[in-house]
């Protein structure tokens, strides 16, 4: 059972998450040859102040 954990900045719409879930599932089924019912996707919304790249929080001015 493939399980994907997707971390995104908060604020994405349910429709965008739905679209991404469908695309990830479709591609996984095609590549791995598994059933769509076995593909799990877990979305984690992250606040920008809880994510840093190159030592800088995304909530800080760029």
PDB file of N, CA and C in Angstrom:
ATOM      1  N   UNK A   1       0.844  -1.176   0.000  1.00  0.00           N
ATOM      2  CA  UNK A   1       0.000   0.000   0.000  1.00  0.00           C
ATOM      3  C   UNK A   1       0.886   1.235   0.000  1.00  0.00           C
ATOM      4  N   UNK A   2       0.995   1.955  -1.113  1.00  0.00           N
ATOM      5  CA  UNK A   2       1.773   3.188  -1.097  1.00  0.00           C
ATOM      6  C   UNK A   2       1.039   4.275  -0.301  1.00  0.00           C
ATOM      7  N   UNK A   3       1.789   4.952   0.537  1.00  0.00           N
ATOM      8  CA  UNK A   3       1.255   6.073   1.302  1.00  0.00           C
ATOM      9  C   UNK A   3       2.147   7.283   1.055  1.00  0.00           C
ATOM     10  N   UNK A   4       1.538   8.377   0.665  1.00  0.00           N
ATOM     11  CA  UNK A   4       2.262   9.614   0.415  1.00  0.00           C
ATOM     12  C   UNK A   4       1.931  10.622   1.494  1.00  0.00           C
ATOM     13  N   UNK A   5       2.943  11.274   2.009  1.00  0.00           N
ATOM     14  CA  UNK A   5       2.761  12.370   2.962  1.00  0.00           C
ATOM     15  C   UNK A   5       3.142  13.646   2.223  1.00  0.00           C
ATOM     16  N   UNK A   6       2.186  14.531   2.062  1.00  0.00           N
ATOM     17  CA  UNK A   6       2.395  15.768   1.311  1.00  0.00           C
ATOM     18  C   UNK A   6       2.322  16.934   2.279  1.00  0.00           C
ATOM     19  N   UNK A   7       3.413  17.674   2.372  1.00  0.00           N
ATOM     20  CA  UNK A   7       3.447  18.844   3.248  1.00  0.00           C
ATOM     21  C   UNK A   7       3.382  20.089   2.381  1.00  0.00           C
ATOM     22  N   UNK A   8       2.426  20.940   2.698  1.00  0.00           N
ATOM     23  CA  UNK A   8       2.166  22.160   1.931  1.00  0.00           C
ATOM     24  C   UNK A   8       1.991  23.331   2.888  1.00  0.00           C
ATOM     25  N   UNK A   9       2.294  24.526   2.395  1.00  0.00           N
ATOM     26  CA  UNK A   9       1.909  25.696   3.177  1.00  0.00           C
ATOM     27  C   UNK A   9       0.393  25.726   3.269  1.00  0.00           C
ATOM     28  N   UNK A  10      -0.114  26.103   4.423  1.00  0.00           N
ATOM     29  CA  UNK A  10      -1.557  26.187   4.606  1.00  0.00           C
ATOM     30  C   UNK A  10      -2.143  27.188   3.628  1.00  0.00           C
ATOM     31  N   UNK A  11      -3.419  26.984   3.317  1.00  0.00           N
ATOM     32  CA  UNK A  11      -4.106  27.924   2.454  1.00  0.00           C
ATOM     33  C   UNK A  11      -4.524  27.344   1.115  1.00  0.00           C
ATOM     34  N   UNK A  12      -4.032  26.138   0.779  1.00  0.00           N
ATOM     35  CA  UNK A  12      -4.479  25.519  -0.468  1.00  0.00           C
ATOM     36  C   UNK A  12      -5.939  25.103  -0.318  1.00  0.00           C
ATOM     37  N   UNK A  13      -6.696  25.260  -1.355  1.00  0.00           N
ATOM     38  CA  UNK A  13      -8.115  24.920  -1.302  1.00  0.00           C
ATOM     39  C   UNK A  13      -8.313  23.406  -1.299  1.00  0.00           C
ATOM     40  N   UNK A  14      -9.483  22.996  -0.833  1.00  0.00           N
ATOM     41  CA  UNK A  14      -9.842  21.584  -0.854  1.00  0.00           C
ATOM     42  C   UNK A  14      -9.840  21.090  -2.297  1.00  0.00           C
ATOM     43  N   UNK A  15     -10.296  21.926  -3.225  1.00  0.00           N
ATOM     44  CA  UNK A  15     -10.327  21.528  -4.637  1.00  0.00           C
ATOM     45  C   UNK A  15      -8.916  21.243  -5.154  1.00  0.00           C
ATOM     46  N   UNK A  16      -7.929  22.061  -4.794  1.00  0.00           N
ATOM     47  CA  UNK A  16      -6.549  21.830  -5.230  1.00  0.00           C
ATOM     48  C   UNK A  16      -5.992  20.539  -4.622  1.00  0.00           C
ATOM     49  N   UNK A  17      -6.318  20.284  -3.362  1.00  0.00           N
ATOM     50  CA  UNK A  17      -5.872  19.039  -2.732  1.00  0.00           C
ATOM     51  C   UNK A  17      -6.534  17.835  -3.396  1.00  0.00           C
ATOM     52  N   UNK A  18      -7.803  17.980  -3.723  1.00  0.00           N
ATOM     53  CA  UNK A  18      -8.539  16.920  -4.419  1.00  0.00           C
ATOM     54  C   UNK A  18      -7.892  16.628  -5.778  1.00  0.00           C
ATOM     55  N   UNK A  19      -7.545  17.687  -6.490  1.00  0.00           N
ATOM     56  CA  UNK A  19      -6.911  17.548  -7.809  1.00  0.00           C
ATOM     57  C   UNK A  19      -5.545  16.868  -7.689  1.00  0.00           C
ATOM     58  N   UNK A  20      -4.760  17.271  -6.713  1.00  0.00           N
ATOM     59  CA  UNK A  20      -3.447  16.666  -6.508  1.00  0.00           C
ATOM     60  C   UNK A  20      -3.581  15.204  -6.100  1.00  0.00           C
ATOM     61  N   UNK A  21      -4.528  14.907  -5.221  1.00  0.00           N
ATOM     62  CA  UNK A  21      -4.746  13.522  -4.788  1.00  0.00           C
ATOM     63  C   UNK A  21      -5.101  12.634  -5.978  1.00  0.00           C
ATOM     64  N   UNK A  22      -5.957  13.121  -6.865  1.00  0.00           N
ATOM     65  CA  UNK A  22      -6.339  12.346  -8.048  1.00  0.00           C
ATOM     66  C   UNK A  22      -5.146  12.114  -8.963  1.00  0.00           C
ATOM     67  N   UNK A  23      -4.339  13.145  -9.171  1.00  0.00           N
ATOM     68  CA  UNK A  23      -3.177  13.024 -10.056  1.00  0.00           C
ATOM     69  C   UNK A  23      -2.126  12.068  -9.474  1.00  0.00           C
ATOM     70  N   UNK A  24      -1.863  12.193  -8.176  1.00  0.00           N
ATOM     71  CA  UNK A  24      -0.889  11.286  -7.537  1.00  0.00           C
ATOM     72  C   UNK A  24      -1.370   9.843  -7.585  1.00  0.00           C
ATOM     73  N   UNK A  25      -2.659   9.653  -7.341  1.00  0.00           N
ATOM     74  CA  UNK A  25      -3.221   8.301  -7.371  1.00  0.00           C
ATOM     75  C   UNK A  25      -3.135   7.721  -8.776  1.00  0.00           C
ATOM     76  N   UNK A  26      -3.530   8.492  -9.762  1.00  0.00           N
ATOM     77  CA  UNK A  26      -3.502   8.023 -11.147  1.00  0.00           C
ATOM     78  C   UNK A  26      -2.086   7.624 -11.568  1.00  0.00           C
ATOM     79  N   UNK A  27      -1.112   8.454 -11.244  1.00  0.00           N
ATOM     80  CA  UNK A  27       0.271   8.165 -11.612  1.00  0.00           C
ATOM     81  C   UNK A  27       0.802   6.948 -10.867  1.00  0.00           C
ATOM     82  N   UNK A  28       0.454   6.822  -9.598  1.00  0.00           N
ATOM     83  CA  UNK A  28       0.908   5.671  -8.813  1.00  0.00           C
ATOM     84  C   UNK A  28       0.347   4.368  -9.367  1.00  0.00           C
ATOM     85  N   UNK A  29      -0.921   4.370  -9.708  1.00  0.00           N
ATOM     86  CA  UNK A  29      -1.551   3.180 -10.287  1.00  0.00           C
ATOM     87  C   UNK A  29      -0.862   2.811 -11.598  1.00  0.00           C
ATOM     88  N   UNK A  30      -0.580   3.812 -12.418  1.00  0.00           N
ATOM     89  CA  UNK A  30       0.061   3.584 -13.715  1.00  0.00           C
ATOM     90  C   UNK A  30       1.478   3.033 -13.550  1.00  0.00           C
ATOM     91  N   UNK A  31       2.251   3.616 -12.662  1.00  0.00           N
ATOM     92  CA  UNK A  31       3.656   3.225 -12.512  1.00  0.00           C
ATOM     93  C   UNK A  31       3.816   1.927 -11.724  1.00  0.00           C
ATOM     94  N   UNK A  32       3.085   1.785 -10.636  1.00  0.00           N
ATOM     95  CA  UNK A  32       3.256   0.618  -9.762  1.00  0.00           C
ATOM     96  C   UNK A  32       2.314  -0.530 -10.096  1.00  0.00           C
ATOM     97  N   UNK A  33       1.268  -0.248 -10.855  1.00  0.00           N
ATOM     98  CA  UNK A  33       0.324  -1.293 -11.199  1.00  0.00           C
ATOM     99  C   UNK A  33      -0.534  -1.750 -10.036  1.00  0.00           C
ATOM    100  N   UNK A  34      -0.752  -0.870  -9.076  1.00  0.00           N
ATOM    101  CA  UNK A  34      -1.559  -1.222  -7.910  1.00  0.00           C
ATOM    102  C   UNK A  34      -2.989  -0.717  -8.110  1.00  0.00           C
ATOM    103  N   UNK A  35      -3.873  -1.102  -7.215  1.00  0.00           N
ATOM    104  CA  UNK A  35      -5.248  -0.606  -7.240  1.00  0.00           C
ATOM    105  C   UNK A  35      -5.298   0.791  -6.624  1.00  0.00           C
ATOM    106  N   UNK A  36      -6.159   1.625  -7.172  1.00  0.00           N
ATOM    107  CA  UNK A  36      -6.318   2.979  -6.634  1.00  0.00           C
ATOM    108  C   UNK A  36      -6.727   2.951  -5.161  1.00  0.00           C
ATOM    109  N   UNK A  37      -7.490   1.936  -4.768  1.00  0.00           N
ATOM    110  CA  UNK A  37      -7.951   1.836  -3.377  1.00  0.00           C
ATOM    111  C   UNK A  37      -6.796   1.610  -2.394  1.00  0.00           C
ATOM    112  N   UNK A  38      -5.640   1.237  -2.900  1.00  0.00           N
ATOM    113  CA  UNK A  38      -4.511   0.993  -1.994  1.00  0.00           C
ATOM    114  C   UNK A  38      -3.615   2.215  -1.826  1.00  0.00           C
ATOM    115  N   UNK A  39      -3.903   3.287  -2.546  1.00  0.00           N
ATOM    116  CA  UNK A  39      -3.071   4.497  -2.492  1.00  0.00           C
ATOM    117  C   UNK A  39      -3.642   5.453  -1.450  1.00  0.00           C
ATOM    118  N   UNK A  40      -2.829   5.773  -0.459  1.00  0.00           N
ATOM    119  CA  UNK A  40      -3.217   6.735   0.583  1.00  0.00           C
ATOM    120  C   UNK A  40      -2.379   7.991   0.445  1.00  0.00           C
ATOM    121  N   UNK A  41      -3.032   9.138   0.612  1.00  0.00           N
ATOM    122  CA  UNK A  41      -2.341  10.427   0.566  1.00  0.00           C
ATOM    123  C   UNK A  41      -2.763  11.209   1.796  1.00  0.00           C
ATOM    124  N   UNK A  42      -1.768  11.664   2.542  1.00  0.00           N
ATOM    125  CA  UNK A  42      -2.024  12.410   3.770  1.00  0.00           C
ATOM    126  C   UNK A  42      -1.482  13.825   3.574  1.00  0.00           C
ATOM    127  N   UNK A  43      -2.369  14.801   3.680  1.00  0.00           N
ATOM    128  CA  UNK A  43      -1.960  16.197   3.540  1.00  0.00           C
ATOM    129  C   UNK A  43      -1.707  16.800   4.920  1.00  0.00           C
ATOM    130  N   UNK A  44      -0.591  17.498   5.029  1.00  0.00           N
ATOM    131  CA  UNK A  44      -0.258  18.224   6.251  1.00  0.00           C
ATOM    132  C   UNK A  44      -0.084  19.692   5.880  1.00  0.00           C
ATOM    133  N   UNK A  45      -0.953  20.533   6.410  1.00  0.00           N
ATOM    134  CA  UNK A  45      -0.822  21.971   6.198  1.00  0.00           C
ATOM    135  C   UNK A  45       0.163  22.525   7.219  1.00  0.00           C
ATOM    136  N   UNK A  46       1.121  23.282   6.724  1.00  0.00           N
ATOM    137  CA  UNK A  46       2.180  23.820   7.577  1.00  0.00           C
ATOM    138  C   UNK A  46       2.148  25.345   7.492  1.00  0.00           C
ATOM    139  N   UNK A  47       2.213  25.988   8.634  1.00  0.00           N
ATOM    140  CA  UNK A  47       2.301  27.448   8.654  1.00  0.00           C
ATOM    141  C   UNK A  47       3.709  27.850   8.193  1.00  0.00           C
ATOM    142  N   UNK A  48       3.824  28.937   7.435  1.00  0.00           N
ATOM    143  CA  UNK A  48       5.137  29.360   6.948  1.00  0.00           C
ATOM    144  C   UNK A  48       6.162  29.595   8.064  1.00  0.00           C
ATOM    145  N   UNK A  49       5.695  29.974   9.249  1.00  0.00           N
ATOM    146  CA  UNK A  49       6.659  30.185  10.347  1.00  0.00           C
ATOM    147  C   UNK A  49       7.197  28.873  10.904  1.00  0.00           C
ATOM    148  N   UNK A  50       6.645  27.755  10.452  1.00  0.00           N
ATOM    149  CA  UNK A  50       7.122  26.445  10.887  1.00  0.00           C
ATOM    150  C   UNK A  50       7.924  25.725   9.802  1.00  0.00           C
ATOM    151  N   UNK A  51       8.360  26.469   8.791  1.00  0.00           N
ATOM    152  CA  UNK A  51       9.109  25.887   7.674  1.00  0.00           C
ATOM    153  C   UNK A  51      10.260  26.841   7.346  1.00  0.00           C
ATOM    154  N   UNK A  52      11.453  26.297   7.239  1.00  0.00           N
ATOM    155  CA  UNK A  52      12.621  27.115   6.906  1.00  0.00           C
ATOM    156  C   UNK A  52      13.395  26.460   5.771  1.00  0.00           C
ATOM    157  N   UNK A  53      13.970  27.292   4.932  1.00  0.00           N
ATOM    158  CA  UNK A  53      14.857  26.852   3.861  1.00  0.00           C
ATOM    159  C   UNK A  53      16.094  27.732   3.904  1.00  0.00           C
ATOM    160  N   UNK A  54      17.250  27.111   3.821  1.00  0.00           N
ATOM    161  CA  UNK A  54      18.523  27.833   3.854  1.00  0.00           C
ATOM    162  C   UNK A  54      18.629  28.694   5.110  1.00  0.00           C
ATOM    163  N   UNK A  55      18.084  28.202   6.211  1.00  0.00           N
ATOM    164  CA  UNK A  55      18.197  28.892   7.482  1.00  0.00           C
ATOM    165  C   UNK A  55      17.250  30.058   7.672  1.00  0.00           C
ATOM    166  N   UNK A  56      16.297  30.229   6.765  1.00  0.00           N
ATOM    167  CA  UNK A  56      15.389  31.368   6.849  1.00  0.00           C
ATOM    168  C   UNK A  56      13.953  30.878   6.841  1.00  0.00           C
ATOM    169  N   UNK A  57      13.171  31.362   7.810  1.00  0.00           N
ATOM    170  CA  UNK A  57      11.754  31.003   7.861  1.00  0.00           C
ATOM    171  C   UNK A  57      11.033  31.596   6.658  1.00  0.00           C
ATOM    172  N   UNK A  58      10.076  30.839   6.147  1.00  0.00           N
ATOM    173  CA  UNK A  58       9.294  31.316   5.017  1.00  0.00           C
ATOM    174  C   UNK A  58       8.381  32.471   5.418  1.00  0.00           C
ATOM    175  N   UNK A  59       8.118  32.644   6.686  1.00  0.00           N
ATOM    176  CA  UNK A  59       7.287  33.759   7.142  1.00  0.00           C
ATOM    177  C   UNK A  59       8.080  35.067   7.182  1.00  0.00           C
ATOM    178  N   UNK A  60       9.410  34.980   7.120  1.00  0.00           N
ATOM    179  CA  UNK A  60      10.240  36.178   7.119  1.00  0.00           C
ATOM    180  C   UNK A  60      10.201  36.843   5.741  1.00  0.00           C
ATOM    181  N   UNK A  61      10.346  38.158   5.696  1.00  0.00           N
ATOM    182  CA  UNK A  61      10.375  38.838   4.398  1.00  0.00           C
ATOM    183  C   UNK A  61      11.484  38.283   3.518  1.00  0.00           C
ATOM    184  N   UNK A  62      11.216  38.169   2.269  1.00  0.00           N
ATOM    185  CA  UNK A  62      12.186  37.619   1.305  1.00  0.00           C
ATOM    186  C   UNK A  62      12.807  38.707   0.505  1.00  0.00           C
TER     187      UNK A  62
END
